């Protein structure tokens, strides 16, 4: 299967897709630092580093394999922790339309849409309803629901909303989690500084270091 990663970030979803056997060929990411990280770790992918609204079709290699478009538009405007710009007035909350535009552009066999759980309540579910209706009009049979990373081996309580769609009438079932691993990071053996072979590869911090006492002195003089 050939993949297209939209709002790719540093490449987390591409990594998961690759681990699942998907050959990611195209990625779109606006942030230059995230794109730099993505390019370093996914060297075989054609990366468009720019605003997705300016993205034009990059031809996929001709193959008999099925295609999948996956991604999650910026989630900050849907997050329950954001009570200031969590509304239809937030311009970023409308970027789902660019996801749909690229889906129309490629007409992939499969689509996967991901976002924070808060998108379900934002504007009383308006955005989810709009996305679902648009994908159904494009001919996709959909399954949607919430999955928690906690149930899939990650010691972290992180719920995400997913939509999975098939152009071939297949209605998939969301996976059932296996639960959190018994051994957590806290229970792992302590690692002494310098005991690993990779620690020297990181670059030293070159920014200004403000000592604690200096900060307190500045506070007292204001």
Protein backbone atom coordinates (compact mmCIF):
# COMPACT_ATOMS: atom_id res chain seq x y z
CA UNK A 1 0.00 0.00 0.00
CA UNK A 2 1.21 3.51 -0.88
CA UNK A 3 0.74 6.36 1.63
CA UNK A 4 0.27 10.14 1.61
CA UNK A 5 0.91 11.91 4.93
CA UNK A 6 -0.87 15.26 5.39
CA UNK A 7 0.05 17.65 8.24
CA UNK A 8 2.99 15.28 8.68
CA UNK A 9 4.76 17.01 11.56
CA UNK A 10 8.03 15.32 12.45
CA UNK A 11 6.81 12.04 10.99
CA UNK A 12 5.07 10.14 13.77
CA UNK A 13 2.19 8.89 11.65
CA UNK A 14 4.54 8.07 8.78
CA UNK A 15 6.62 6.00 11.18
CA UNK A 16 3.56 4.08 12.32
CA UNK A 17 2.41 3.63 8.73
CA UNK A 18 5.83 2.33 7.72
CA UNK A 19 5.81 -0.11 10.64
CA UNK A 20 2.42 -1.32 9.38
CA UNK A 21 3.88 -2.01 5.94
CA UNK A 22 2.75 1.15 4.13
CA UNK A 23 5.18 2.69 1.65
CA UNK A 24 4.84 6.43 2.30
CA UNK A 25 5.64 8.39 -0.85
CA UNK A 26 4.38 11.95 -0.25
CA UNK A 27 4.25 14.16 2.85
CA UNK A 28 3.07 17.72 3.47
CA UNK A 29 4.32 19.80 6.42
CA UNK A 30 4.50 23.57 6.88
CA UNK A 31 6.79 23.94 9.91
CA UNK A 32 10.43 24.08 8.71
CA UNK A 33 11.90 22.42 11.81
CA UNK A 34 9.37 19.60 11.80
CA UNK A 35 9.94 19.16 8.07
CA UNK A 36 13.71 19.03 8.63
CA UNK A 37 13.24 16.25 11.17
CA UNK A 38 10.85 14.45 8.85
CA UNK A 39 13.26 14.62 5.92
CA UNK A 40 16.10 13.27 8.08
CA UNK A 41 14.11 10.21 9.13
CA UNK A 42 12.10 9.53 5.95
CA UNK A 43 14.58 9.97 3.15
CA UNK A 44 12.57 8.20 0.45
CA UNK A 45 9.53 10.48 0.77
CA UNK A 46 8.78 13.47 -1.47
CA UNK A 47 8.25 16.20 1.13
CA UNK A 48 6.37 19.43 0.41
CA UNK A 49 7.56 21.90 3.06
CA UNK A 50 4.97 24.65 2.84
CA UNK A 51 1.38 25.72 3.39
CA UNK A 52 -0.93 22.85 2.46
CA UNK A 53 -3.22 25.40 0.83
CA UNK A 54 -0.51 25.86 -1.80
CA UNK A 55 0.10 22.14 -2.31
CA UNK A 56 -0.30 20.94 -5.88
CA UNK A 57 -0.55 17.35 -6.93
CA UNK A 58 2.65 15.31 -6.99
CA UNK A 59 2.18 12.24 -9.12
CA UNK A 60 2.43 8.93 -7.32
CA UNK A 61 4.44 6.15 -8.94
CA UNK A 62 2.27 3.94 -11.13
CA UNK A 63 1.52 0.78 -9.22
CA UNK A 64 -1.24 -1.74 -8.67
CA UNK A 65 -1.04 -1.16 -4.93
CA UNK A 66 -3.86 0.53 -3.05
CA UNK A 67 -3.36 4.04 -1.67
CA UNK A 68 -4.12 5.65 1.67
CA UNK A 69 -4.18 9.33 2.68
CA UNK A 70 -3.77 9.94 6.40
CA UNK A 71 -3.25 12.91 8.67
CA UNK A 72 -4.56 15.19 11.35
CA UNK A 73 -5.03 18.95 10.87
CA UNK A 74 -3.77 21.22 13.70
CA UNK A 75 -5.53 20.18 16.89
CA UNK A 76 -4.94 23.18 19.17
CA UNK A 77 -8.22 24.82 18.18
CA UNK A 78 -10.15 21.67 19.10
CA UNK A 79 -8.37 20.88 22.36
CA UNK A 80 -10.45 20.99 25.54
CA UNK A 81 -7.56 22.82 27.22
CA UNK A 82 -8.02 25.71 24.79
CA UNK A 83 -11.03 27.76 25.84
CA UNK A 84 -9.88 30.96 24.12
CA UNK A 85 -9.88 30.04 20.41
CA UNK A 86 -11.83 26.77 20.44
CA UNK A 87 -14.49 27.83 17.96
CA UNK A 88 -15.34 28.27 14.29
CA UNK A 89 -13.56 31.65 14.43
CA UNK A 90 -10.20 29.88 14.63
CA UNK A 91 -8.83 29.84 11.08
CA UNK A 92 -6.82 26.67 11.68
CA UNK A 93 -9.98 24.76 12.56
CA UNK A 94 -11.01 24.98 8.91
CA UNK A 95 -7.87 23.30 7.58
CA UNK A 96 -9.81 20.03 7.44
CA UNK A 97 -11.03 21.39 4.09
CA UNK A 98 -7.48 21.10 2.77
CA UNK A 99 -7.37 17.49 3.93
CA UNK A 100 -10.56 16.89 1.94
CA UNK A 101 -9.17 18.78 -1.06
CA UNK A 102 -6.15 16.49 -1.23
CA UNK A 103 -8.41 13.45 -0.82
CA UNK A 104 -10.44 14.64 -3.82
CA UNK A 105 -7.19 15.24 -5.69
CA UNK A 106 -5.87 11.69 -5.27
CA UNK A 107 -9.07 9.72 -4.59
CA UNK A 108 -7.16 7.18 -2.45
CA UNK A 109 -8.57 3.75 -1.70
CA UNK A 110 -8.41 4.48 2.03
CA UNK A 111 -8.46 7.56 4.26
CA UNK A 112 -7.49 7.99 7.91
CA UNK A 113 -8.32 11.22 9.76
CA UNK A 114 -7.01 11.85 13.28
CA UNK A 115 -7.53 14.61 15.83
CA UNK A 116 -7.97 15.26 19.54
CA UNK A 117 -11.10 14.00 21.23
CA UNK A 118 -12.23 17.58 21.77
CA UNK A 119 -13.17 17.91 18.09
CA UNK A 120 -16.29 15.90 18.92
CA UNK A 121 -17.64 18.70 21.12
CA UNK A 122 -16.25 21.77 19.35
CA UNK A 123 -19.17 23.81 18.00
CA UNK A 124 -21.49 20.99 19.12
CA UNK A 125 -19.90 18.49 16.76
CA UNK A 126 -20.17 20.69 13.67
CA UNK A 127 -16.68 19.92 12.37
CA UNK A 128 -16.95 16.14 12.73
CA UNK A 129 -20.36 16.14 11.07
CA UNK A 130 -19.01 18.21 8.18
CA UNK A 131 -15.97 15.95 7.66
CA UNK A 132 -18.04 12.76 7.82
CA UNK A 133 -20.61 14.06 5.33
CA UNK A 134 -17.95 15.23 2.88
CA UNK A 135 -16.10 11.90 2.98
CA UNK A 136 -19.34 9.99 2.49
CA UNK A 137 -20.16 12.15 -0.52
CA UNK A 138 -16.75 11.22 -1.94
CA UNK A 139 -17.78 7.58 -1.76
CA UNK A 140 -16.11 6.41 1.45
CA UNK A 141 -17.62 3.89 3.84
CA UNK A 142 -16.65 5.17 7.28
CA UNK A 143 -15.91 3.95 10.76
CA UNK A 144 -15.11 6.47 13.48
CA UNK A 145 -14.46 6.49 17.18
CA UNK A 146 -12.01 7.26 19.97
CA UNK A 147 -8.87 5.24 20.69
CA UNK A 148 -6.58 5.70 23.69
CA UNK A 149 -2.82 5.14 23.42
CA UNK A 150 -3.04 3.74 26.95
CA UNK A 151 -4.76 0.66 25.52
CA UNK A 152 -2.06 -0.03 22.94
CA UNK A 153 1.10 -0.42 24.95
CA UNK A 154 1.90 3.25 25.63
CA UNK A 155 2.09 4.25 29.33
CA UNK A 156 0.29 7.52 28.60
CA UNK A 157 -3.38 8.51 28.78
CA UNK A 158 -3.84 10.01 25.31
CA UNK A 159 -7.23 9.74 23.58
CA UNK A 160 -7.60 10.54 19.90
CA UNK A 161 -10.56 10.59 17.52
CA UNK A 162 -10.18 8.60 14.30
CA UNK A 163 -12.11 8.31 11.05
CA UNK A 164 -11.20 5.39 8.79
CA UNK A 165 -12.76 5.20 5.34
CA UNK A 166 -12.76 2.74 2.44
CA UNK A 167 -13.60 3.45 -1.21
CA UNK A 168 -14.50 -0.24 -1.66
CA UNK A 169 -17.40 -0.50 0.75
CA UNK A 170 -15.35 -2.05 3.54
CA UNK A 171 -16.42 -1.03 7.03
CA UNK A 172 -13.48 -1.71 9.31
CA UNK A 173 -13.70 -2.39 13.03
CA UNK A 174 -11.65 -0.23 15.35
CA UNK A 175 -8.96 -2.29 17.10
CA UNK A 176 -9.39 -3.48 20.66
CA UNK A 177 -6.55 -2.39 22.92
CA UNK A 178 -4.24 -4.78 24.73
CA UNK A 179 -3.73 -2.60 27.80
CA UNK A 180 -0.72 -0.84 29.30
CA UNK A 181 2.55 -2.79 29.60
CA UNK A 182 3.27 -3.99 33.11
CA UNK A 183 6.73 -2.44 33.13
CA UNK A 184 6.70 1.36 32.94
CA UNK A 185 9.56 3.80 32.45
CA UNK A 186 9.76 4.44 36.18
CA UNK A 187 10.33 0.74 36.81
CA UNK A 188 13.15 0.43 34.28
CA UNK A 189 16.77 0.29 35.52
CA UNK A 190 18.45 3.67 35.96
CA UNK A 191 20.85 4.65 33.18
CA UNK A 192 24.06 6.37 34.27
CA UNK A 193 25.19 9.47 32.39
CA UNK A 194 27.58 8.48 29.63
CA UNK A 195 26.71 4.80 29.73
CA UNK A 196 24.95 4.83 26.35
CA UNK A 197 26.75 4.92 23.03
CA UNK A 198 24.70 7.76 21.52
CA UNK A 199 24.66 10.49 24.16
CA UNK A 200 27.71 12.31 22.76
CA UNK A 201 26.03 12.80 19.38
CA UNK A 202 23.67 15.52 20.59
CA UNK A 203 24.78 19.12 20.16
CA UNK A 204 25.63 21.11 23.31
CA UNK A 205 23.20 23.82 24.41
CA UNK A 206 24.49 27.18 23.19
CA UNK A 207 21.84 29.54 24.52
CA UNK A 208 22.10 31.87 27.51
CA UNK A 209 21.82 30.21 30.92
CA UNK A 210 20.09 32.32 33.56
CA UNK A 211 20.95 31.16 37.07
CA UNK A 212 18.16 30.81 39.62
CA UNK A 213 19.57 33.49 41.93
CA UNK A 214 19.94 35.95 39.03
CA UNK A 215 16.28 35.54 38.11
CA UNK A 216 15.19 36.11 41.71
CA UNK A 217 17.32 39.28 41.92
CA UNK A 218 15.64 40.67 38.79
CA UNK A 219 12.22 39.96 40.26
CA UNK A 220 13.08 41.81 43.50
CA UNK A 221 14.25 44.90 41.62
CA UNK A 222 10.97 45.37 39.66
